[in-house]
Amino acid sequence: QMNSLKPEDTAVYYCALFRGYNPCFGVPLGSWGQGTQVTVSS
């Protein structure tokens, strides 16, 4: 959930898997997908 969006939030957003006790650092499991484009603009 993204609130109070700013222009600098504009990017392609991806989700990724990490095994066990890994707080989402390093190389994720599997491969990166296509993502979803978020554009913040007036």
PDB file of all heavy atoms in Angstrom:
ATOM      1  N   GLN A   1       0.852  -1.178   0.000  1.00  0.00           N
ATOM      2  CA  GLN A   1       0.000   0.000   0.000  1.00  0.00           C
ATOM      3  C   GLN A   1       0.888   1.228   0.000  1.00  0.00           C
ATOM      4  O   GLN A   1       1.700   1.412   0.904  1.00  0.00           O
ATOM      5  CB  GLN A   1      -0.918   0.006   1.223  1.00  0.00           C
ATOM      6  CG  GLN A   1      -1.823   1.224   1.322  1.00  0.00           C
ATOM      7  CD  GLN A   1      -2.851   1.287   0.225  1.00  0.00           C
ATOM      8  OE1 GLN A   1      -3.494   0.281  -0.075  1.00  0.00           O
ATOM      9  NE2 GLN A   1      -3.002   2.445  -0.399  1.00  0.00           N
ATOM     10  N   MET A   2       0.723   2.075  -0.993  1.00  0.00           N
ATOM     11  CA  MET A   2       1.548   3.253  -1.152  1.00  0.00           C
ATOM     12  C   MET A   2       0.679   4.491  -1.020  1.00  0.00           C
ATOM     13  O   MET A   2      -0.234   4.701  -1.824  1.00  0.00           O
ATOM     14  CB  MET A   2       2.260   3.239  -2.502  1.00  0.00           C
ATOM     15  CG  MET A   2       3.073   1.975  -2.753  1.00  0.00           C
ATOM     16  SD  MET A   2       4.003   2.030  -4.307  1.00  0.00           S
ATOM     17  CE  MET A   2       2.643   2.079  -5.475  1.00  0.00           C
ATOM     18  N   ASN A   3       0.958   5.293  -0.021  1.00  0.00           N
ATOM     19  CA  ASN A   3       0.235   6.530   0.225  1.00  0.00           C
ATOM     20  C   ASN A   3       1.181   7.716   0.110  1.00  0.00           C
ATOM     21  O   ASN A   3       2.397   7.568   0.162  1.00  0.00           O
ATOM     22  CB  ASN A   3      -0.414   6.512   1.609  1.00  0.00           C
ATOM     23  CG  ASN A   3      -1.419   5.401   1.789  1.00  0.00           C
ATOM     24  OD1 ASN A   3      -2.132   5.032   0.863  1.00  0.00           O
ATOM     25  ND2 ASN A   3      -1.500   4.861   3.004  1.00  0.00           N
ATOM     26  N   SER A   4       0.598   8.890  -0.019  1.00  0.00           N
ATOM     27  CA  SER A   4       1.373  10.128  -0.110  1.00  0.00           C
ATOM     28  C   SER A   4       2.483  10.014  -1.142  1.00  0.00           C
ATOM     29  O   SER A   4       3.642  10.357  -0.895  1.00  0.00           O
ATOM     30  CB  SER A   4       1.948  10.495   1.262  1.00  0.00           C
ATOM     31  OG  SER A   4       0.923  10.647   2.224  1.00  0.00           O
ATOM     32  N   LEU A   5       2.129   9.535  -2.295  1.00  0.00           N
ATOM     33  CA  LEU A   5       3.122   9.258  -3.326  1.00  0.00           C
ATOM     34  C   LEU A   5       3.792  10.533  -3.824  1.00  0.00           C
ATOM     35  O   LEU A   5       3.169  11.590  -3.921  1.00  0.00           O
ATOM     36  CB  LEU A   5       2.480   8.513  -4.485  1.00  0.00           C
ATOM     37  CG  LEU A   5       2.222   7.028  -4.210  1.00  0.00           C
ATOM     38  CD1 LEU A   5       1.220   6.458  -5.199  1.00  0.00           C
ATOM     39  CD2 LEU A   5       3.538   6.254  -4.270  1.00  0.00           C
ATOM     40  N   LYS A   6       5.075  10.387  -4.132  1.00  0.00           N
ATOM     41  CA  LYS A   6       5.899  11.478  -4.615  1.00  0.00           C
ATOM     42  C   LYS A   6       6.427  11.146  -6.000  1.00  0.00           C
ATOM     43  O   LYS A   6       6.540   9.975  -6.361  1.00  0.00           O
ATOM     44  CB  LYS A   6       7.082  11.707  -3.666  1.00  0.00           C
ATOM     45  CG  LYS A   6       6.707  11.957  -2.218  1.00  0.00           C
ATOM     46  CD  LYS A   6       7.947  12.041  -1.348  1.00  0.00           C
ATOM     47  CE  LYS A   6       7.602  12.273   0.104  1.00  0.00           C
ATOM     48  NZ  LYS A   6       8.818  12.326   0.957  1.00  0.00           N
ATOM     49  N   PRO A   7       6.782  12.154  -6.784  1.00  0.00           N
ATOM     50  CA  PRO A   7       7.347  11.874  -8.112  1.00  0.00           C
ATOM     51  C   PRO A   7       8.562  10.952  -8.056  1.00  0.00           C
ATOM     52  O   PRO A   7       8.756  10.145  -8.976  1.00  0.00           O
ATOM     53  CB  PRO A   7       7.725  13.261  -8.630  1.00  0.00           C
ATOM     54  CG  PRO A   7       6.743  14.170  -7.972  1.00  0.00           C
ATOM     55  CD  PRO A   7       6.549  13.598  -6.587  1.00  0.00           C
ATOM     56  N   GLU A   8       9.372  11.048  -7.006  1.00  0.00           N
ATOM     57  CA  GLU A   8      10.538  10.195  -6.896  1.00  0.00           C
ATOM     58  C   GLU A   8      10.204   8.732  -6.618  1.00  0.00           C
ATOM     59  O   GLU A   8      11.098   7.878  -6.624  1.00  0.00           O
ATOM     60  CB  GLU A   8      11.504  10.719  -5.824  1.00  0.00           C
ATOM     61  CG  GLU A   8      10.852  10.994  -4.487  1.00  0.00           C
ATOM     62  CD  GLU A   8      10.500  12.457  -4.305  1.00  0.00           C
ATOM     63  OE1 GLU A   8       9.966  13.062  -5.261  1.00  0.00           O
ATOM     64  OE2 GLU A   8      10.765  13.007  -3.211  1.00  0.00           O
ATOM     65  N   ASP A   9       8.936   8.427  -6.373  1.00  0.00           N
ATOM     66  CA  ASP A   9       8.504   7.043  -6.246  1.00  0.00           C
ATOM     67  C   ASP A   9       8.296   6.380  -7.606  1.00  0.00           C
ATOM     68  O   ASP A   9       8.054   5.168  -7.671  1.00  0.00           O
ATOM     69  CB  ASP A   9       7.203   6.950  -5.451  1.00  0.00           C
ATOM     70  CG  ASP A   9       7.363   7.386  -4.010  1.00  0.00           C
ATOM     71  OD1 ASP A   9       8.389   7.041  -3.382  1.00  0.00           O
ATOM     72  OD2 ASP A   9       6.452   8.074  -3.495  1.00  0.00           O
ATOM     73  N   THR A  10       8.363   7.154  -8.658  1.00  0.00           N
ATOM     74  CA  THR A  10       8.178   6.618 -10.003  1.00  0.00           C
ATOM     75  C   THR A  10       9.252   5.585 -10.317  1.00  0.00           C
ATOM     76  O   THR A  10      10.448   5.870 -10.230  1.00  0.00           O
ATOM     77  CB  THR A  10       8.217   7.748 -11.036  1.00  0.00           C
ATOM     78  OG1 THR A  10       7.118   8.635 -10.815  1.00  0.00           O
ATOM     79  CG2 THR A  10       8.118   7.190 -12.454  1.00  0.00           C
ATOM     80  N   ALA A  11       8.822   4.385 -10.672  1.00  0.00           N
ATOM     81  CA  ALA A  11       9.746   3.290 -10.947  1.00  0.00           C
ATOM     82  C   ALA A  11       8.944   2.071 -11.362  1.00  0.00           C
ATOM     83  O   ALA A  11       7.714   2.054 -11.268  1.00  0.00           O
ATOM     84  CB  ALA A  11      10.579   2.956  -9.707  1.00  0.00           C
ATOM     85  N   VAL A  12       9.656   1.051 -11.802  1.00  0.00           N
ATOM     86  CA  VAL A  12       9.064  -0.264 -11.968  1.00  0.00           C
ATOM     87  C   VAL A  12       9.233  -1.005 -10.650  1.00  0.00           C
ATOM     88  O   VAL A  12      10.339  -1.083 -10.112  1.00  0.00           O
ATOM     89  CB  VAL A  12       9.716  -1.053 -13.114  1.00  0.00           C
ATOM     90  CG1 VAL A  12       9.104  -2.448 -13.226  1.00  0.00           C
ATOM     91  CG2 VAL A  12       9.552  -0.307 -14.426  1.00  0.00           C
ATOM     92  N   TYR A  13       8.154  -1.545 -10.146  1.00  0.00           N
ATOM     93  CA  TYR A  13       8.159  -2.221  -8.855  1.00  0.00           C
ATOM     94  C   TYR A  13       8.110  -3.727  -9.041  1.00  0.00           C
ATOM     95  O   TYR A  13       7.321  -4.244  -9.839  1.00  0.00           O
ATOM     96  CB  TYR A  13       6.969  -1.763  -8.007  1.00  0.00           C
ATOM     97  CG  TYR A  13       7.168  -0.391  -7.401  1.00  0.00           C
ATOM     98  CD1 TYR A  13       7.142   0.742  -8.200  1.00  0.00           C
ATOM     99  CD2 TYR A  13       7.396  -0.233  -6.037  1.00  0.00           C
ATOM    100  CE1 TYR A  13       7.342   2.003  -7.658  1.00  0.00           C
ATOM    101  CE2 TYR A  13       7.589   1.015  -5.482  1.00  0.00           C
ATOM    102  CZ  TYR A  13       7.564   2.136  -6.300  1.00  0.00           C
ATOM    103  OH  TYR A  13       7.760   3.383  -5.750  1.00  0.00           O
ATOM    104  N   TYR A  14       8.942  -4.418  -8.287  1.00  0.00           N
ATOM    105  CA  TYR A  14       9.058  -5.862  -8.359  1.00  0.00           C
ATOM    106  C   TYR A  14       8.884  -6.474  -6.970  1.00  0.00           C
ATOM    107  O   TYR A  14       9.257  -5.860  -5.973  1.00  0.00           O
ATOM    108  CB  TYR A  14      10.433  -6.295  -8.874  1.00  0.00           C
ATOM    109  CG  TYR A  14      10.842  -5.708 -10.195  1.00  0.00           C
ATOM    110  CD1 TYR A  14      11.490  -4.483 -10.264  1.00  0.00           C
ATOM    111  CD2 TYR A  14      10.609  -6.401 -11.379  1.00  0.00           C
ATOM    112  CE1 TYR A  14      11.886  -3.947 -11.482  1.00  0.00           C
ATOM    113  CE2 TYR A  14      11.004  -5.876 -12.595  1.00  0.00           C
ATOM    114  CZ  TYR A  14      11.644  -4.647 -12.637  1.00  0.00           C
ATOM    115  OH  TYR A  14      12.038  -4.132 -13.848  1.00  0.00           O
ATOM    116  N   CYS A  15       8.367  -7.682  -6.924  1.00  0.00           N
ATOM    117  CA  CYS A  15       8.410  -8.456  -5.695  1.00  0.00           C
ATOM    118  C   CYS A  15       9.341  -9.643  -5.890  1.00  0.00           C
ATOM    119  O   CYS A  15       9.575 -10.088  -7.022  1.00  0.00           O
ATOM    120  CB  CYS A  15       7.019  -8.908  -5.250  1.00  0.00           C
ATOM    121  SG  CYS A  15       6.065  -9.821  -6.467  1.00  0.00           S
ATOM    122  N   ALA A  16       9.891 -10.137  -4.799  1.00  0.00           N
ATOM    123  CA  ALA A  16      10.884 -11.201  -4.884  1.00  0.00           C
ATOM    124  C   ALA A  16      10.856 -12.068  -3.634  1.00  0.00           C
ATOM    125  O   ALA A  16      10.465 -11.615  -2.556  1.00  0.00           O
ATOM    126  CB  ALA A  16      12.281 -10.607  -5.072  1.00  0.00           C
ATOM    127  N   LEU A  17      11.308 -13.304  -3.783  1.00  0.00           N
ATOM    128  CA  LEU A  17      11.316 -14.295  -2.722  1.00  0.00           C
ATOM    129  C   LEU A  17      12.686 -14.408  -2.076  1.00  0.00           C
ATOM    130  O   LEU A  17      13.711 -14.352  -2.752  1.00  0.00           O
ATOM    131  CB  LEU A  17      10.938 -15.668  -3.271  1.00  0.00           C
ATOM    132  CG  LEU A  17       9.551 -15.867  -3.866  1.00  0.00           C
ATOM    133  CD1 LEU A  17       9.500 -17.199  -4.597  1.00  0.00           C
ATOM    134  CD2 LEU A  17       8.502 -15.817  -2.768  1.00  0.00           C
ATOM    135  N   PHE A  18      12.685 -14.626  -0.765  1.00  0.00           N
ATOM    136  CA  PHE A  18      13.901 -14.900  -0.017  1.00  0.00           C
ATOM    137  C   PHE A  18      13.624 -16.024   0.969  1.00  0.00           C
ATOM    138  O   PHE A  18      12.575 -16.057   1.612  1.00  0.00           O
ATOM    139  CB  PHE A  18      14.382 -13.653   0.712  1.00  0.00           C
ATOM    140  CG  PHE A  18      14.770 -12.549  -0.219  1.00  0.00           C
ATOM    141  CD1 PHE A  18      13.818 -11.680  -0.713  1.00  0.00           C
ATOM    142  CD2 PHE A  18      16.087 -12.397  -0.627  1.00  0.00           C
ATOM    143  CE1 PHE A  18      14.165 -10.670  -1.590  1.00  0.00           C
ATOM    144  CE2 PHE A  18      16.444 -11.387  -1.502  1.00  0.00           C
ATOM    145  CZ  PHE A  18      15.487 -10.525  -1.988  1.00  0.00           C
ATOM    146  N   ARG A  19      14.581 -16.924   1.091  1.00  0.00           N
ATOM    147  CA  ARG A  19      14.384 -18.100   1.925  1.00  0.00           C
ATOM    148  C   ARG A  19      14.657 -17.826   3.386  1.00  0.00           C
ATOM    149  O   ARG A  19      15.613 -17.132   3.737  1.00  0.00           O
ATOM    150  CB  ARG A  19      15.294 -19.235   1.447  1.00  0.00           C
ATOM    151  CG  ARG A  19      15.157 -20.513   2.261  1.00  0.00           C
ATOM    152  CD  ARG A  19      16.065 -21.607   1.763  1.00  0.00           C
ATOM    153  NE  ARG A  19      15.580 -22.148   0.500  1.00  0.00           N
ATOM    154  CZ  ARG A  19      16.234 -22.035  -0.640  1.00  0.00           C
ATOM    155  NH1 ARG A  19      17.415 -21.419  -0.672  1.00  0.00           N
ATOM    156  NH2 ARG A  19      15.728 -22.555  -1.741  1.00  0.00           N
ATOM    157  N   GLY A  20      13.818 -18.389   4.234  1.00  0.00           N
ATOM    158  CA  GLY A  20      14.070 -18.425   5.655  1.00  0.00           C
ATOM    159  C   GLY A  20      14.257 -17.081   6.304  1.00  0.00           C
ATOM    160  O   GLY A  20      13.478 -16.154   6.076  1.00  0.00           O
ATOM    161  N   TYR A  21      15.317 -16.975   7.107  1.00  0.00           N
ATOM    162  CA  TYR A  21      15.564 -15.806   7.921  1.00  0.00           C
ATOM    163  C   TYR A  21      16.420 -14.797   7.164  1.00  0.00           C
ATOM    164  O   TYR A  21      17.475 -14.364   7.634  1.00  0.00           O
ATOM    165  CB  TYR A  21      16.244 -16.228   9.221  1.00  0.00           C
ATOM    166  CG  TYR A  21      16.024 -15.299  10.371  1.00  0.00           C
ATOM    167  CD1 TYR A  21      14.772 -15.172  10.963  1.00  0.00           C
ATOM    168  CD2 TYR A  21      17.075 -14.555  10.892  1.00  0.00           C
ATOM    169  CE1 TYR A  21      14.576 -14.328  12.030  1.00  0.00           C
ATOM    170  CE2 TYR A  21      16.892 -13.703  11.960  1.00  0.00           C
ATOM    171  CZ  TYR A  21      15.632 -13.593  12.526  1.00  0.00           C
ATOM    172  OH  TYR A  21      15.434 -12.757  13.594  1.00  0.00           O
ATOM    173  N   ASN A  22      15.976 -14.413   6.010  1.00  0.00           N
ATOM    174  CA  ASN A  22      16.686 -13.466   5.164  1.00  0.00           C
ATOM    175  C   ASN A  22      15.792 -12.266   4.902  1.00  0.00           C
ATOM    176  O   ASN A  22      14.817 -12.385   4.151  1.00  0.00           O
ATOM    177  CB  ASN A  22      17.081 -14.128   3.844  1.00  0.00           C
ATOM    178  CG  ASN A  22      17.871 -13.202   2.932  1.00  0.00           C
ATOM    179  OD1 ASN A  22      17.963 -11.999   3.164  1.00  0.00           O
ATOM    180  ND2 ASN A  22      18.446 -13.769   1.884  1.00  0.00           N
ATOM    181  N   PRO A  23      16.101 -11.128   5.513  1.00  0.00           N
ATOM    182  CA  PRO A  23      15.249  -9.944   5.362  1.00  0.00           C
ATOM    183  C   PRO A  23      15.441  -9.225   4.033  1.00  0.00           C
ATOM    184  O   PRO A  23      15.669  -8.017   3.983  1.00  0.00           O
ATOM    185  CB  PRO A  23      15.659  -9.076   6.550  1.00  0.00           C
ATOM    186  CG  PRO A  23      17.097  -9.413   6.759  1.00  0.00           C
ATOM    187  CD  PRO A  23      17.199 -10.886   6.461  1.00  0.00           C
ATOM    188  N   CYS A  24      15.384  -9.998   2.954  1.00  0.00           N
ATOM    189  CA  CYS A  24      15.306  -9.461   1.598  1.00  0.00           C
ATOM    190  C   CYS A  24      16.576  -8.736   1.161  1.00  0.00           C
ATOM    191  O   CYS A  24      16.511  -7.708   0.472  1.00  0.00           O
ATOM    192  CB  CYS A  24      14.082  -8.539   1.455  1.00  0.00           C
ATOM    193  SG  CYS A  24      12.531  -9.274   2.000  1.00  0.00           S
ATOM    194  N   PHE A  25      17.708  -9.281   1.542  1.00  0.00           N
ATOM    195  CA  PHE A  25      18.985  -8.786   1.063  1.00  0.00           C
ATOM    196  C   PHE A  25      19.629  -9.813   0.154  1.00  0.00           C
ATOM    197  O   PHE A  25      19.363 -11.010   0.252  1.00  0.00           O
ATOM    198  CB  PHE A  25      19.928  -8.464   2.225  1.00  0.00           C
ATOM    199  CG  PHE A  25      19.535  -7.255   3.017  1.00  0.00           C
ATOM    200  CD1 PHE A  25      18.957  -7.381   4.265  1.00  0.00           C
ATOM    201  CD2 PHE A  25      19.744  -5.986   2.505  1.00  0.00           C
ATOM    202  CE1 PHE A  25      18.596  -6.270   5.000  1.00  0.00           C
ATOM    203  CE2 PHE A  25      19.388  -4.862   3.232  1.00  0.00           C
ATOM    204  CZ  PHE A  25      18.813  -5.008   4.480  1.00  0.00           C
ATOM    205  N   GLY A  26      20.489  -9.345  -0.720  1.00  0.00           N
ATOM    206  CA  GLY A  26      21.208 -10.230  -1.612  1.00  0.00           C
ATOM    207  C   GLY A  26      20.370 -10.664  -2.802  1.00  0.00           C
ATOM    208  O   GLY A  26      19.419  -9.998  -3.198  1.00  0.00           O
ATOM    209  N   VAL A  27      20.742 -11.807  -3.347  1.00  0.00           N
ATOM    210  CA  VAL A  27      20.093 -12.323  -4.543  1.00  0.00           C
ATOM    211  C   VAL A  27      18.859 -13.115  -4.152  1.00  0.00           C
ATOM    212  O   VAL A  27      18.941 -14.037  -3.346  1.00  0.00           O
ATOM    213  CB  VAL A  27      21.051 -13.206  -5.353  1.00  0.00           C
ATOM    214  CG1 VAL A  27      20.350 -13.749  -6.596  1.00  0.00           C
ATOM    215  CG2 VAL A  27      22.292 -12.422  -5.743  1.00  0.00           C
ATOM    216  N   PRO A  28      17.707 -12.789  -4.718  1.00  0.00           N
ATOM    217  CA  PRO A  28      16.493 -13.518  -4.365  1.00  0.00           C
ATOM    218  C   PRO A  28      16.424 -14.881  -5.028  1.00  0.00           C
ATOM    219  O   PRO A  28      17.208 -15.198  -5.927  1.00  0.00           O
ATOM    220  CB  PRO A  28      15.384 -12.601  -4.886  1.00  0.00           C
ATOM    221  CG  PRO A  28      16.004 -11.924  -6.071  1.00  0.00           C
ATOM    222  CD  PRO A  28      17.446 -11.701  -5.679  1.00  0.00           C
ATOM    223  N   LEU A  29      15.480 -15.670  -4.576  1.00  0.00           N
ATOM    224  CA  LEU A  29      15.197 -16.940  -5.224  1.00  0.00           C
ATOM    225  C   LEU A  29      14.486 -16.691  -6.541  1.00  0.00           C
ATOM    226  O   LEU A  29      13.748 -15.723  -6.691  1.00  0.00           O
ATOM    227  CB  LEU A  29      14.330 -17.809  -4.320  1.00  0.00           C
ATOM    228  CG  LEU A  29      14.906 -18.152  -2.952  1.00  0.00           C
ATOM    229  CD1 LEU A  29      13.864 -18.884  -2.113  1.00  0.00           C
ATOM    230  CD2 LEU A  29      16.163 -18.993  -3.087  1.00  0.00           C
ATOM    231  N   GLY A  30      14.683 -17.591  -7.481  1.00  0.00           N
ATOM    232  CA  GLY A  30      14.047 -17.439  -8.771  1.00  0.00           C
ATOM    233  C   GLY A  30      14.641 -16.280  -9.555  1.00  0.00           C
ATOM    234  O   GLY A  30      15.782 -15.868  -9.329  1.00  0.00           O
ATOM    235  N   SER A  31      13.869 -15.756 -10.474  1.00  0.00           N
ATOM    236  CA  SER A  31      14.323 -14.655 -11.304  1.00  0.00           C
ATOM    237  C   SER A  31      13.365 -13.475 -11.192  1.00  0.00           C
ATOM    238  O   SER A  31      12.207 -13.628 -10.780  1.00  0.00           O
ATOM    239  CB  SER A  31      14.428 -15.100 -12.764  1.00  0.00           C
ATOM    240  OG  SER A  31      13.170 -15.546 -13.255  1.00  0.00           O
ATOM    241  N   TRP A  32      13.875 -12.308 -11.551  1.00  0.00           N
ATOM    242  CA  TRP A  32      13.039 -11.115 -11.550  1.00  0.00           C
ATOM    243  C   TRP A  32      11.986 -11.199 -12.643  1.00  0.00           C
ATOM    244  O   TRP A  32      12.259 -11.614 -13.768  1.00  0.00           O
ATOM    245  CB  TRP A  32      13.889  -9.869 -11.749  1.00  0.00           C
ATOM    246  CG  TRP A  32      14.878  -9.633 -10.644  1.00  0.00           C
ATOM    247  CD1 TRP A  32      16.210  -9.906 -10.651  1.00  0.00           C
ATOM    248  CD2 TRP A  32      14.588  -9.078  -9.358  1.00  0.00           C
ATOM    249  NE1 TRP A  32      16.781  -9.553  -9.452  1.00  0.00           N
ATOM    250  CE2 TRP A  32      15.808  -9.038  -8.637  1.00  0.00           C
ATOM    251  CE3 TRP A  32      13.431  -8.603  -8.741  1.00  0.00           C
ATOM    252  CZ2 TRP A  32      15.889  -8.549  -7.330  1.00  0.00           C
ATOM    253  CZ3 TRP A  32      13.514  -8.116  -7.441  1.00  0.00           C
ATOM    254  CH2 TRP A  32      14.725  -8.096  -6.756  1.00  0.00           C
ATOM    255  N   GLY A  33      10.774 -10.772 -12.309  1.00  0.00           N
ATOM    256  CA  GLY A  33       9.692 -10.773 -13.272  1.00  0.00           C
ATOM    257  C   GLY A  33       9.629  -9.480 -14.054  1.00  0.00           C
ATOM    258  O   GLY A  33      10.601  -8.725 -14.136  1.00  0.00           O
ATOM    259  N   GLN A  34       8.463  -9.214 -14.623  1.00  0.00           N
ATOM    260  CA  GLN A  34       8.287  -8.016 -15.433  1.00  0.00           C
ATOM    261  C   GLN A  34       8.056  -6.764 -14.607  1.00  0.00           C
ATOM    262  O   GLN A  34       8.311  -5.655 -15.080  1.00  0.00           O
ATOM    263  CB  GLN A  34       7.123  -8.213 -16.400  1.00  0.00           C
ATOM    264  CG  GLN A  34       7.364  -9.311 -17.428  1.00  0.00           C
ATOM    265  CD  GLN A  34       8.548  -8.997 -18.314  1.00  0.00           C
ATOM    266  OE1 GLN A  34       8.636  -7.915 -18.894  1.00  0.00           O
ATOM    267  NE2 GLN A  34       9.463  -9.957 -18.420  1.00  0.00           N
ATOM    268  N   GLY A  35       7.571  -6.930 -13.397  1.00  0.00           N
ATOM    269  CA  GLY A  35       7.280  -5.788 -12.553  1.00  0.00           C
ATOM    270  C   GLY A  35       6.016  -5.065 -12.984  1.00  0.00           C
ATOM    271  O   GLY A  35       5.354  -5.438 -13.951  1.00  0.00           O
ATOM    272  N   THR A  36       5.707  -4.009 -12.246  1.00  0.00           N
ATOM    273  CA  THR A  36       4.562  -3.175 -12.579  1.00  0.00           C
ATOM    274  C   THR A  36       4.977  -1.715 -12.474  1.00  0.00           C
ATOM    275  O   THR A  36       5.642  -1.311 -11.525  1.00  0.00           O
ATOM    276  CB  THR A  36       3.354  -3.497 -11.673  1.00  0.00           C
ATOM    277  OG1 THR A  36       2.210  -2.758 -12.098  1.00  0.00           O
ATOM    278  CG2 THR A  36       3.648  -3.199 -10.204  1.00  0.00           C
ATOM    279  N   GLN A  37       4.610  -0.938 -13.458  1.00  0.00           N
ATOM    280  CA  GLN A  37       5.043   0.454 -13.548  1.00  0.00           C
ATOM    281  C   GLN A  37       4.187   1.352 -12.666  1.00  0.00           C
ATOM    282  O   GLN A  37       2.958   1.333 -12.743  1.00  0.00           O
ATOM    283  CB  GLN A  37       4.961   0.936 -14.994  1.00  0.00           C
ATOM    284  CG  GLN A  37       5.309   2.410 -15.189  1.00  0.00           C
ATOM    285  CD  GLN A  37       6.777   2.691 -15.006  1.00  0.00           C
ATOM    286  OE1 GLN A  37       7.607   2.003 -15.598  1.00  0.00           O
ATOM    287  NE2 GLN A  37       7.110   3.689 -14.188  1.00  0.00           N
ATOM    288  N   VAL A  38       4.852   2.148 -11.852  1.00  0.00           N
ATOM    289  CA  VAL A  38       4.204   3.177 -11.048  1.00  0.00           C
ATOM    290  C   VAL A  38       4.737   4.522 -11.504  1.00  0.00           C
ATOM    291  O   VAL A  38       5.947   4.749 -11.492  1.00  0.00           O
ATOM    292  CB  VAL A  38       4.466   2.976  -9.551  1.00  0.00           C
ATOM    293  CG1 VAL A  38       3.935   4.164  -8.747  1.00  0.00           C
ATOM    294  CG2 VAL A  38       3.839   1.681  -9.068  1.00  0.00           C
ATOM    295  N   THR A  39       3.838   5.389 -11.902  1.00  0.00           N
ATOM    296  CA  THR A  39       4.219   6.721 -12.342  1.00  0.00           C
ATOM    297  C   THR A  39       3.468   7.750 -11.518  1.00  0.00           C
ATOM    298  O   THR A  39       2.233   7.740 -11.484  1.00  0.00           O
ATOM    299  CB  THR A  39       3.913   6.928 -13.830  1.00  0.00           C
ATOM    300  OG1 THR A  39       4.591   5.940 -14.606  1.00  0.00           O
ATOM    301  CG2 THR A  39       4.355   8.312 -14.282  1.00  0.00           C
ATOM    302  N   VAL A  40       4.215   8.615 -10.856  1.00  0.00           N
ATOM    303  CA  VAL A  40       3.633   9.666 -10.023  1.00  0.00           C
ATOM    304  C   VAL A  40       3.912  10.998 -10.703  1.00  0.00           C
ATOM    305  O   VAL A  40       5.056  11.447 -10.770  1.00  0.00           O
ATOM    306  CB  VAL A  40       4.210   9.648  -8.605  1.00  0.00           C
ATOM    307  CG1 VAL A  40       3.502  10.684  -7.740  1.00  0.00           C
ATOM    308  CG2 VAL A  40       4.076   8.259  -7.993  1.00  0.00           C
ATOM    309  N   SER A  41       2.878  11.611 -11.201  1.00  0.00           N
ATOM    310  CA  SER A  41       3.036  12.840 -11.966  1.00  0.00           C
ATOM    311  C   SER A  41       1.747  13.636 -11.940  1.00  0.00           C
ATOM    312  O   SER A  41       0.644  13.072 -11.894  1.00  0.00           O
ATOM    313  CB  SER A  41       3.414  12.522 -13.410  1.00  0.00           C
ATOM    314  OG  SER A  41       3.488  13.698 -14.200  1.00  0.00           O
ATOM    315  N   SER A  42       1.890  14.952 -11.976  1.00  0.00           N
ATOM    316  CA  SER A  42       0.732  15.818 -12.055  1.00  0.00           C
ATOM    317  C   SER A  42       0.315  16.072 -13.492  1.00  0.00           C
ATOM    318  O   SER A  42      -0.728  16.647 -13.758  1.00  0.00           O
ATOM    319  CB  SER A  42       1.025  17.155 -11.368  1.00  0.00           C
ATOM    320  OG  SER A  42       2.124  17.820 -11.970  1.00  0.00           O
TER     321      SER A  42
END
